[in-house]
Amino acid sequence: MGIEKFRRHVSGAEFRTTGITYTQATAGVGANSFLMAAPCNCVVEEVILISDTATTASVAAQHYEFQVANMTQSENLLSAVKSTVTANVLADTAFVITPDQNNIVTQDDVIEFQVTVAGTPTDLSGARMTVQCNYRPV
């Protein structure tokens, strides 16, 4: 697991980033991984999944679902999971997940990236994946 933090300026706002790297074993079978303990009160702006492997032909019976959760507050940051049924993960391309609720978190809240597998898809079973969280201090 690797963690990196840096700052970037977008439209005059300062954003910070943290990330995790999934192992091949956990990527394909569904797994939950801690993304960060919020270093300050902040707004989670987006979570980006980057994979070296694409998902293809995802259907209701065979797909991946992604959720971002605040484990400390027992809240989901997405009102509905983001699924590969509606948008496949493309290799070497940002798969952006934008929280639409509960995205203001308190210092030390634990944020988790959750992967659920429906059926037995294998597209990501050998993938190397990085999950990046962009947040803004408030």
N, C-alpha and C. Protein backbone atom coordinates (compact mmCIF):
# COMPACT_ATOMS: atom_id res chain seq x y z
N MET A 1 0.85 -1.17 0.00
CA MET A 1 0.00 0.00 0.00
C MET A 1 0.90 1.23 0.00
N GLY A 2 0.61 2.16 -0.86
CA GLY A 2 1.37 3.39 -0.90
C GLY A 2 0.48 4.58 -0.64
N ILE A 3 1.01 5.57 0.05
CA ILE A 3 0.24 6.78 0.33
C ILE A 3 1.07 7.97 -0.09
N GLU A 4 0.43 8.87 -0.79
CA GLU A 4 1.12 10.06 -1.25
C GLU A 4 0.20 11.26 -1.05
N LYS A 5 0.76 12.37 -0.60
CA LYS A 5 -0.02 13.59 -0.44
C LYS A 5 0.66 14.72 -1.20
N PHE A 6 -0.11 15.51 -1.85
CA PHE A 6 0.42 16.70 -2.50
C PHE A 6 -0.70 17.72 -2.63
N ARG A 7 -0.34 18.93 -3.00
CA ARG A 7 -1.33 19.99 -3.15
C ARG A 7 -1.42 20.42 -4.60
N ARG A 8 -2.61 20.77 -5.02
CA ARG A 8 -2.79 21.34 -6.34
C ARG A 8 -3.84 22.43 -6.23
N HIS A 9 -3.77 23.39 -7.11
CA HIS A 9 -4.71 24.49 -7.09
C HIS A 9 -5.64 24.37 -8.29
N VAL A 10 -6.92 24.34 -8.02
CA VAL A 10 -7.93 24.27 -9.07
C VAL A 10 -8.93 25.37 -8.80
N SER A 11 -9.09 26.25 -9.73
CA SER A 11 -10.04 27.36 -9.59
C SER A 11 -9.83 28.13 -8.28
N GLY A 12 -8.61 28.30 -7.89
CA GLY A 12 -8.32 29.08 -6.70
C GLY A 12 -8.48 28.32 -5.39
N ALA A 13 -8.96 27.09 -5.42
CA ALA A 13 -9.14 26.30 -4.20
C ALA A 13 -7.98 25.32 -4.06
N GLU A 14 -7.55 25.11 -2.85
CA GLU A 14 -6.46 24.17 -2.60
C GLU A 14 -7.04 22.78 -2.35
N PHE A 15 -6.58 21.81 -3.11
CA PHE A 15 -7.00 20.43 -2.94
C PHE A 15 -5.82 19.61 -2.47
N ARG A 16 -6.10 18.58 -1.73
CA ARG A 16 -5.08 17.64 -1.30
C ARG A 16 -5.50 16.25 -1.75
N THR A 17 -4.53 15.38 -1.89
CA THR A 17 -4.80 14.05 -2.40
C THR A 17 -4.13 13.01 -1.52
N THR A 18 -4.82 11.90 -1.33
CA THR A 18 -4.24 10.73 -0.71
C THR A 18 -4.69 9.53 -1.52
N GLY A 19 -3.99 8.43 -1.46
CA GLY A 19 -4.36 7.29 -2.28
C GLY A 19 -3.90 5.98 -1.71
N ILE A 20 -4.47 4.91 -2.24
CA ILE A 20 -4.08 3.55 -1.88
C ILE A 20 -3.89 2.75 -3.15
N THR A 21 -3.12 1.70 -3.06
CA THR A 21 -2.94 0.79 -4.18
C THR A 21 -3.51 -0.56 -3.79
N TYR A 22 -4.38 -1.08 -4.65
CA TYR A 22 -4.97 -2.40 -4.44
C TYR A 22 -4.02 -3.46 -4.95
N THR A 23 -3.98 -4.57 -4.25
CA THR A 23 -3.23 -5.72 -4.74
C THR A 23 -4.08 -6.45 -5.76
N GLN A 24 -3.47 -7.28 -6.54
CA GLN A 24 -4.22 -8.05 -7.55
C GLN A 24 -5.27 -8.94 -6.90
N ALA A 25 -4.97 -9.50 -5.76
CA ALA A 25 -5.91 -10.43 -5.13
C ALA A 25 -7.19 -9.74 -4.68
N THR A 26 -7.09 -8.54 -4.11
CA THR A 26 -8.29 -7.89 -3.59
C THR A 26 -9.08 -7.15 -4.66
N ALA A 27 -8.45 -6.79 -5.76
CA ALA A 27 -9.14 -6.01 -6.79
C ALA A 27 -10.30 -6.77 -7.42
N GLY A 28 -10.10 -8.03 -7.70
CA GLY A 28 -11.11 -8.77 -8.45
C GLY A 28 -12.19 -9.41 -7.64
N VAL A 29 -11.97 -9.62 -6.37
CA VAL A 29 -12.95 -10.37 -5.59
C VAL A 29 -13.86 -9.49 -4.75
N GLY A 30 -13.62 -8.21 -4.76
CA GLY A 30 -14.40 -7.31 -3.92
C GLY A 30 -13.73 -7.18 -2.57
N ALA A 31 -13.54 -5.98 -2.13
CA ALA A 31 -12.86 -5.76 -0.86
C ALA A 31 -13.09 -4.33 -0.42
N ASN A 32 -12.94 -4.12 0.87
CA ASN A 32 -13.02 -2.78 1.42
C ASN A 32 -11.62 -2.39 1.90
N SER A 33 -11.21 -1.18 1.59
CA SER A 33 -9.89 -0.71 2.01
C SER A 33 -10.01 0.69 2.58
N PHE A 34 -9.33 0.90 3.70
CA PHE A 34 -9.33 2.24 4.28
C PHE A 34 -8.60 3.18 3.34
N LEU A 35 -9.24 4.29 3.02
CA LEU A 35 -8.68 5.27 2.11
C LEU A 35 -7.91 6.35 2.86
N MET A 36 -8.51 6.81 3.98
CA MET A 36 -7.81 7.80 4.79
C MET A 36 -8.53 7.99 6.11
N ALA A 37 -7.77 8.51 7.08
CA ALA A 37 -8.34 9.10 8.27
C ALA A 37 -8.22 10.59 7.99
N ALA A 38 -9.33 11.27 7.94
CA ALA A 38 -9.33 12.68 7.54
C ALA A 38 -8.32 13.47 8.39
N PRO A 39 -7.35 14.12 7.73
CA PRO A 39 -6.32 14.84 8.47
C PRO A 39 -6.82 16.16 9.05
N CYS A 40 -8.01 16.59 8.59
CA CYS A 40 -8.60 17.84 9.04
C CYS A 40 -10.08 17.79 8.69
N ASN A 41 -10.85 18.78 9.13
CA ASN A 41 -12.23 18.89 8.65
C ASN A 41 -12.12 19.19 7.16
N CYS A 42 -12.83 18.42 6.34
CA CYS A 42 -12.66 18.60 4.90
C CYS A 42 -13.88 18.16 4.11
N VAL A 43 -13.85 18.51 2.83
CA VAL A 43 -14.87 18.09 1.88
C VAL A 43 -14.22 17.08 0.94
N VAL A 44 -14.79 15.89 0.85
CA VAL A 44 -14.31 14.90 -0.11
C VAL A 44 -14.91 15.28 -1.46
N GLU A 45 -14.07 15.77 -2.36
CA GLU A 45 -14.54 16.27 -3.66
C GLU A 45 -14.76 15.15 -4.66
N GLU A 46 -13.81 14.20 -4.72
CA GLU A 46 -13.95 13.10 -5.67
C GLU A 46 -13.00 11.97 -5.28
N VAL A 47 -13.38 10.79 -5.71
CA VAL A 47 -12.53 9.61 -5.56
C VAL A 47 -12.32 9.07 -6.96
N ILE A 48 -11.06 8.80 -7.29
CA ILE A 48 -10.73 8.38 -8.64
C ILE A 48 -10.10 6.99 -8.59
N LEU A 49 -10.64 6.09 -9.40
CA LEU A 49 -10.11 4.75 -9.54
C LEU A 49 -9.30 4.71 -10.84
N ILE A 50 -8.08 4.21 -10.75
CA ILE A 50 -7.24 4.05 -11.93
C ILE A 50 -6.82 2.59 -11.97
N SER A 51 -7.08 1.93 -13.10
CA SER A 51 -6.78 0.50 -13.23
C SER A 51 -5.97 0.27 -14.50
N ASP A 52 -5.11 -0.73 -14.47
CA ASP A 52 -4.37 -1.06 -15.68
C ASP A 52 -5.17 -2.03 -16.56
N THR A 53 -6.36 -2.42 -16.09
CA THR A 53 -7.22 -3.36 -16.81
C THR A 53 -8.63 -2.77 -16.92
N ALA A 54 -9.28 -2.98 -18.04
CA ALA A 54 -10.63 -2.47 -18.25
C ALA A 54 -11.67 -3.52 -17.86
N THR A 55 -12.87 -3.04 -17.53
CA THR A 55 -14.01 -3.95 -17.40
C THR A 55 -14.76 -3.89 -18.72
N THR A 56 -15.29 -5.01 -19.16
CA THR A 56 -16.02 -5.05 -20.43
C THR A 56 -17.28 -5.87 -20.26
N ALA A 57 -18.27 -5.52 -21.02
CA ALA A 57 -19.53 -6.28 -21.07
C ALA A 57 -20.13 -6.50 -19.69
N SER A 58 -20.07 -5.50 -18.84
CA SER A 58 -20.71 -5.63 -17.53
C SER A 58 -22.22 -5.66 -17.70
N VAL A 59 -22.86 -6.57 -17.01
CA VAL A 59 -24.31 -6.71 -17.03
C VAL A 59 -24.79 -6.85 -15.59
N ALA A 60 -26.08 -6.80 -15.40
CA ALA A 60 -26.63 -6.85 -14.05
C ALA A 60 -26.15 -8.06 -13.25
N ALA A 61 -25.95 -9.18 -13.93
CA ALA A 61 -25.54 -10.39 -13.22
C ALA A 61 -24.03 -10.49 -13.01
N GLN A 62 -23.25 -9.67 -13.69
CA GLN A 62 -21.78 -9.74 -13.62
C GLN A 62 -21.20 -8.32 -13.66
N HIS A 63 -20.96 -7.74 -12.48
CA HIS A 63 -20.42 -6.38 -12.47
C HIS A 63 -19.78 -6.04 -11.13
N TYR A 64 -19.16 -4.87 -11.09
CA TYR A 64 -18.55 -4.35 -9.87
C TYR A 64 -19.33 -3.12 -9.42
N GLU A 65 -19.42 -2.93 -8.11
CA GLU A 65 -20.05 -1.74 -7.54
C GLU A 65 -19.06 -1.08 -6.59
N PHE A 66 -19.05 0.26 -6.60
CA PHE A 66 -18.12 1.03 -5.77
C PHE A 66 -18.90 1.98 -4.87
N GLN A 67 -18.46 2.09 -3.64
CA GLN A 67 -19.05 3.00 -2.66
C GLN A 67 -17.92 3.61 -1.85
N VAL A 68 -18.14 4.81 -1.35
CA VAL A 68 -17.21 5.48 -0.45
C VAL A 68 -18.00 5.71 0.84
N ALA A 69 -17.42 5.29 1.96
CA ALA A 69 -18.16 5.37 3.23
C ALA A 69 -17.34 6.05 4.30
N ASN A 70 -18.04 6.81 5.13
CA ASN A 70 -17.44 7.37 6.35
C ASN A 70 -17.76 6.36 7.44
N MET A 71 -16.77 5.56 7.80
CA MET A 71 -16.98 4.50 8.77
C MET A 71 -17.23 5.03 10.17
N THR A 72 -16.63 6.17 10.50
CA THR A 72 -16.79 6.76 11.83
C THR A 72 -18.23 7.21 12.05
N GLN A 73 -18.83 7.81 11.03
CA GLN A 73 -20.20 8.32 11.15
C GLN A 73 -21.26 7.35 10.62
N SER A 74 -20.83 6.20 10.11
CA SER A 74 -21.75 5.21 9.51
C SER A 74 -22.59 5.83 8.41
N GLU A 75 -21.91 6.55 7.50
CA GLU A 75 -22.61 7.23 6.39
C GLU A 75 -21.93 6.89 5.07
N ASN A 76 -22.75 6.71 4.04
CA ASN A 76 -22.23 6.57 2.68
C ASN A 76 -22.09 7.96 2.06
N LEU A 77 -21.05 8.14 1.25
CA LEU A 77 -20.85 9.41 0.56
C LEU A 77 -21.52 9.43 -0.81
N LEU A 78 -22.01 8.27 -1.24
CA LEU A 78 -22.77 8.17 -2.50
C LEU A 78 -24.19 7.75 -2.17
N SER A 79 -25.17 8.41 -2.74
CA SER A 79 -26.56 8.03 -2.50
C SER A 79 -26.89 6.70 -3.16
N ALA A 80 -26.15 6.36 -4.22
CA ALA A 80 -26.28 5.06 -4.89
C ALA A 80 -24.89 4.62 -5.32
N VAL A 81 -24.62 3.33 -5.28
CA VAL A 81 -23.31 2.83 -5.68
C VAL A 81 -23.03 3.20 -7.14
N LYS A 82 -21.76 3.36 -7.45
CA LYS A 82 -21.38 3.54 -8.86
C LYS A 82 -21.06 2.15 -9.38
N SER A 83 -21.70 1.77 -10.47
CA SER A 83 -21.63 0.41 -10.98
C SER A 83 -21.02 0.37 -12.37
N THR A 84 -20.33 -0.74 -12.67
CA THR A 84 -19.80 -0.91 -14.01
C THR A 84 -20.89 -1.31 -15.01
N VAL A 85 -22.12 -1.50 -14.54
CA VAL A 85 -23.23 -1.75 -15.46
C VAL A 85 -23.50 -0.49 -16.27
N THR A 86 -23.39 0.67 -15.63
CA THR A 86 -23.69 1.94 -16.31
C THR A 86 -22.46 2.61 -16.90
N ALA A 87 -21.27 2.27 -16.41
CA ALA A 87 -20.03 2.85 -16.93
C ALA A 87 -18.86 1.91 -16.64
N ASN A 88 -18.26 1.36 -17.67
CA ASN A 88 -17.13 0.46 -17.48
C ASN A 88 -15.88 1.21 -17.06
N VAL A 89 -15.03 0.54 -16.32
CA VAL A 89 -13.71 1.06 -16.00
C VAL A 89 -12.86 0.87 -17.25
N LEU A 90 -12.17 1.93 -17.69
CA LEU A 90 -11.28 1.85 -18.84
C LEU A 90 -9.85 1.77 -18.36
N ALA A 91 -9.03 1.00 -19.04
CA ALA A 91 -7.63 0.86 -18.65
C ALA A 91 -6.91 2.19 -18.74
N ASP A 92 -6.10 2.47 -17.73
CA ASP A 92 -5.24 3.67 -17.71
C ASP A 92 -6.03 4.97 -17.88
N THR A 93 -7.25 4.99 -17.37
CA THR A 93 -8.13 6.15 -17.48
C THR A 93 -8.79 6.40 -16.13
N ALA A 94 -8.94 7.65 -15.78
CA ALA A 94 -9.58 8.00 -14.50
C ALA A 94 -11.06 7.61 -14.53
N PHE A 95 -11.49 6.84 -13.55
CA PHE A 95 -12.89 6.47 -13.34
C PHE A 95 -13.32 7.29 -12.13
N VAL A 96 -13.98 8.41 -12.39
CA VAL A 96 -14.27 9.40 -11.35
C VAL A 96 -15.56 9.06 -10.63
N ILE A 97 -15.49 9.09 -9.30
CA ILE A 97 -16.64 8.85 -8.44
C ILE A 97 -16.82 10.11 -7.61
N THR A 98 -17.95 10.80 -7.79
CA THR A 98 -18.18 12.07 -7.12
C THR A 98 -19.21 11.90 -6.00
N PRO A 99 -18.80 12.09 -4.76
CA PRO A 99 -19.76 11.98 -3.65
C PRO A 99 -20.89 13.00 -3.80
N ASP A 100 -22.11 12.56 -3.50
CA ASP A 100 -23.26 13.45 -3.64
C ASP A 100 -24.03 13.63 -2.33
N GLN A 101 -23.45 13.14 -1.22
CA GLN A 101 -24.05 13.34 0.09
C GLN A 101 -23.00 13.06 1.16
N ASN A 102 -23.18 13.64 2.33
CA ASN A 102 -22.32 13.38 3.49
C ASN A 102 -20.83 13.55 3.20
N ASN A 103 -20.47 14.44 2.25
CA ASN A 103 -19.07 14.54 1.85
C ASN A 103 -18.26 15.54 2.68
N ILE A 104 -18.88 16.18 3.67
CA ILE A 104 -18.14 17.02 4.61
C ILE A 104 -17.81 16.13 5.81
N VAL A 105 -16.51 15.89 6.02
CA VAL A 105 -16.09 14.97 7.06
C VAL A 105 -15.28 15.70 8.13
N THR A 106 -15.27 15.14 9.30
CA THR A 106 -14.59 15.72 10.46
C THR A 106 -13.21 15.11 10.60
N GLN A 107 -12.29 15.89 11.13
CA GLN A 107 -10.94 15.39 11.35
C GLN A 107 -10.99 14.04 12.06
N ASP A 108 -10.19 13.12 11.60
CA ASP A 108 -10.05 11.76 12.11
C ASP A 108 -11.17 10.81 11.71
N ASP A 109 -12.19 11.26 10.98
CA ASP A 109 -13.18 10.33 10.44
C ASP A 109 -12.46 9.38 9.49
N VAL A 110 -12.81 8.12 9.53
CA VAL A 110 -12.18 7.11 8.69
C VAL A 110 -13.02 6.91 7.43
N ILE A 111 -12.38 7.12 6.27
CA ILE A 111 -13.05 6.99 4.98
C ILE A 111 -12.59 5.69 4.33
N GLU A 112 -13.55 4.93 3.83
CA GLU A 112 -13.26 3.61 3.26
C GLU A 112 -13.76 3.54 1.83
N PHE A 113 -12.97 2.90 0.96
CA PHE A 113 -13.37 2.62 -0.42
C PHE A 113 -13.85 1.18 -0.45
N GLN A 114 -15.08 0.98 -0.95
CA GLN A 114 -15.69 -0.35 -0.91
C GLN A 114 -15.94 -0.87 -2.33
N VAL A 115 -15.56 -2.10 -2.56
CA VAL A 115 -15.78 -2.77 -3.84
C VAL A 115 -16.63 -4.00 -3.58
N THR A 116 -17.76 -4.08 -4.27
CA THR A 116 -18.64 -5.23 -4.16
C THR A 116 -18.71 -5.90 -5.53
N VAL A 117 -18.71 -7.21 -5.53
CA VAL A 117 -18.78 -7.96 -6.77
C VAL A 117 -20.15 -8.62 -6.87
N ALA A 118 -20.81 -8.42 -7.99
CA ALA A 118 -22.09 -9.09 -8.26
C ALA A 118 -21.80 -10.19 -9.28
N GLY A 119 -22.15 -11.41 -8.94
CA GLY A 119 -21.84 -12.52 -9.83
C GLY A 119 -20.37 -12.88 -9.72
N THR A 120 -19.79 -13.27 -10.84
CA THR A 120 -18.38 -13.68 -10.84
C THR A 120 -17.60 -12.99 -11.97
N PRO A 121 -17.62 -11.66 -12.02
CA PRO A 121 -16.81 -11.02 -13.06
C PRO A 121 -15.33 -11.23 -12.75
N THR A 122 -14.54 -11.28 -13.79
CA THR A 122 -13.11 -11.52 -13.59
C THR A 122 -12.24 -10.43 -14.18
N ASP A 123 -12.85 -9.40 -14.74
CA ASP A 123 -12.09 -8.35 -15.42
C ASP A 123 -10.99 -7.75 -14.56
N LEU A 124 -11.27 -7.54 -13.27
CA LEU A 124 -10.30 -6.87 -12.41
C LEU A 124 -9.51 -7.83 -11.53
N SER A 125 -9.67 -9.14 -11.75
CA SER A 125 -9.02 -10.10 -10.86
C SER A 125 -7.50 -10.05 -10.94
N GLY A 126 -6.94 -9.61 -12.03
CA GLY A 126 -5.49 -9.48 -12.14
C GLY A 126 -5.04 -8.05 -12.24
N ALA A 127 -5.93 -7.13 -11.93
CA ALA A 127 -5.65 -5.70 -12.13
C ALA A 127 -4.76 -5.13 -11.05
N ARG A 128 -3.99 -4.13 -11.43
CA ARG A 128 -3.31 -3.26 -10.48
C ARG A 128 -4.14 -1.99 -10.46
N MET A 129 -4.62 -1.60 -9.29
CA MET A 129 -5.51 -0.45 -9.20
C MET A 129 -5.02 0.52 -8.13
N THR A 130 -5.19 1.80 -8.42
CA THR A 130 -4.92 2.84 -7.45
C THR A 130 -6.21 3.60 -7.22
N VAL A 131 -6.49 3.92 -5.98
CA VAL A 131 -7.67 4.73 -5.65
C VAL A 131 -7.14 6.01 -5.03
N GLN A 132 -7.56 7.13 -5.61
CA GLN A 132 -7.08 8.44 -5.20
C GLN A 132 -8.27 9.24 -4.65
N CYS A 133 -8.07 9.89 -3.53
CA CYS A 133 -9.11 10.72 -2.91
C CYS A 133 -8.66 12.18 -2.94
N ASN A 134 -9.43 13.03 -3.59
CA ASN A 134 -9.16 14.47 -3.61
C ASN A 134 -10.09 15.13 -2.61
N TYR A 135 -9.50 15.88 -1.69
CA TYR A 135 -10.30 16.54 -0.67
C TYR A 135 -9.82 17.99 -0.47
N ARG A 136 -10.69 18.78 0.12
CA ARG A 136 -10.41 20.20 0.35
C ARG A 136 -10.66 20.54 1.81
N PRO A 137 -9.66 21.09 2.50
CA PRO A 137 -9.87 21.49 3.89
C PRO A 137 -10.96 22.58 3.99
N VAL A 138 -11.73 22.52 5.07
CA VAL A 138 -12.75 23.57 5.30
C VAL A 138 -12.47 24.28 6.61
